[in-house]
Amino acid sequence: SFCGPGMYGIHVHEKAFERGVKVSGATVHFVNEEVDGGPIILQRAIGIEECKSPEEIQEKILINIEHKILPEAVKLYCEDKIKVINGKVEIIWEEH
C-alpha cells in the first residue's frame, strides 16, 4: 500500500502509522525499471495495532518478517525454484 518512489525504510512505517494501519508486512520482489514494480517472490504480514510508533512497526516487521523472508527468497532463487511466468512468480515447493 505504501510503495513507490521515496517509500523505503522508516518512511513506509511512518505512512502506515499515520493512517492507522492494522496489518503491515514486507515484500521480497525482483527489481525492474518500475520502483517496487517487479514480480513478487514472497510476502508476509503481521498485526501492528499495538505498535505505538513507526519505529516500533519497523522493528516488529524487520525481526518477525524481513529477516525471515529475504533469506528464504534468496535460498529459493539459488536453488532455481523461482520461475517468472507472465509477470508472476511461481515457486516450485518441495513435494513431501
Protein backbone atom coordinates (compact mmCIF):
# COMPACT_ATOMS: atom_id res chain seq x y z
CA SER A 1 0.00 0.00 0.00
CA PHE A 2 2.89 2.36 0.71
CA CYS A 3 5.35 1.80 -2.08
CA GLY A 4 6.94 3.66 -4.94
CA PRO A 5 9.47 6.47 -5.15
CA GLY A 6 10.65 7.63 -1.73
CA MET A 7 8.88 4.82 0.11
CA TYR A 8 11.70 2.95 1.78
CA GLY A 9 12.97 2.44 5.30
CA ILE A 10 11.15 4.30 8.04
CA HIS A 11 9.08 6.32 5.53
CA VAL A 12 6.84 3.33 4.82
CA HIS A 13 6.20 2.76 8.51
CA GLU A 14 5.53 6.45 9.13
CA LYS A 15 2.78 6.40 6.50
CA ALA A 16 1.30 3.18 7.88
CA PHE A 17 1.31 4.67 11.41
CA GLU A 18 -0.27 7.94 10.21
CA ARG A 19 -3.09 6.02 8.50
CA GLY A 20 -3.74 3.75 11.47
CA VAL A 21 -2.99 0.59 9.52
CA LYS A 22 -3.82 -2.57 11.50
CA VAL A 23 -1.71 -5.02 9.46
CA SER A 24 1.58 -4.39 7.71
CA GLY A 25 4.37 -6.51 6.34
CA ALA A 26 7.20 -6.96 3.92
CA THR A 27 7.61 -7.99 0.31
CA VAL A 28 10.57 -9.50 -1.50
CA HIS A 29 10.37 -8.88 -5.22
CA PHE A 30 12.53 -8.84 -8.30
CA VAL A 31 13.79 -5.43 -9.37
CA ASN A 32 12.74 -3.95 -12.69
CA GLU A 33 12.55 -0.47 -14.21
CA GLU A 34 9.48 0.47 -12.12
CA VAL A 35 10.04 1.29 -8.43
CA ASP A 36 8.54 -1.59 -6.41
CA GLY A 37 7.12 -2.95 -9.66
CA GLY A 38 8.97 -6.24 -10.02
CA PRO A 39 7.31 -9.64 -9.68
CA ILE A 40 6.65 -10.53 -6.04
CA ILE A 41 8.60 -13.50 -4.73
CA LEU A 42 7.42 -13.66 -1.10
CA GLN A 43 5.16 -11.55 1.06
CA ARG A 44 4.15 -11.77 4.72
CA ALA A 45 2.01 -9.65 7.05
CA ILE A 46 1.68 -9.16 10.80
CA GLY A 47 -0.67 -7.28 13.10
CA ILE A 48 0.66 -3.89 14.21
CA GLU A 49 -2.31 -2.47 16.12
CA GLU A 50 -0.40 -2.39 19.40
CA CYS A 51 2.61 -0.51 17.95
CA LYS A 52 2.99 2.98 19.39
CA SER A 53 5.38 4.45 16.80
CA PRO A 54 6.71 3.99 13.27
CA GLU A 55 9.97 2.77 14.80
CA GLU A 56 8.13 0.05 16.71
CA ILE A 57 6.40 -1.05 13.49
CA GLN A 58 9.73 -1.09 11.67
CA GLU A 59 11.39 -3.22 14.34
CA LYS A 60 8.49 -5.67 14.53
CA ILE A 61 8.43 -6.18 10.76
CA LEU A 62 12.22 -6.37 10.44
CA ILE A 63 12.63 -9.02 13.16
CA ASN A 64 9.49 -11.08 12.52
CA ILE A 65 9.24 -10.92 8.74
CA GLU A 66 12.08 -9.35 6.76
CA HIS A 67 14.87 -11.30 8.46
CA LYS A 68 13.00 -14.49 7.56
CA ILE A 69 11.59 -13.98 4.07
CA LEU A 70 14.66 -12.38 2.47
CA PRO A 71 16.94 -15.36 3.20
CA GLU A 72 14.09 -17.68 2.20
CA ALA A 73 13.72 -15.90 -1.15
CA VAL A 74 17.48 -15.96 -1.77
CA LYS A 75 17.56 -19.69 -0.99
CA LEU A 76 14.66 -20.37 -3.39
CA TYR A 77 16.43 -18.34 -6.09
CA CYS A 78 19.78 -20.10 -5.57
CA GLU A 79 18.03 -23.48 -5.74
CA ASP A 80 16.38 -22.44 -9.02
CA LYS A 81 12.90 -22.83 -7.52
CA ILE A 82 11.57 -19.48 -8.75
CA LYS A 83 10.08 -19.05 -12.21
CA VAL A 84 8.55 -15.85 -13.58
CA ILE A 85 5.65 -16.68 -15.88
CA ASN A 86 3.52 -13.90 -17.40
CA GLY A 87 4.95 -11.39 -14.93
CA LYS A 88 4.07 -13.51 -11.87
CA VAL A 89 6.37 -15.58 -9.70
CA GLU A 90 5.70 -19.28 -9.40
CA ILE A 91 7.60 -21.14 -6.69
CA ILE A 92 8.45 -24.80 -7.02
CA TRP A 93 7.84 -26.09 -3.49
CA GLU A 94 9.24 -29.36 -2.24
CA GLU A 95 6.94 -32.36 -2.60
CA HIS A 96 6.51 -34.35 0.63
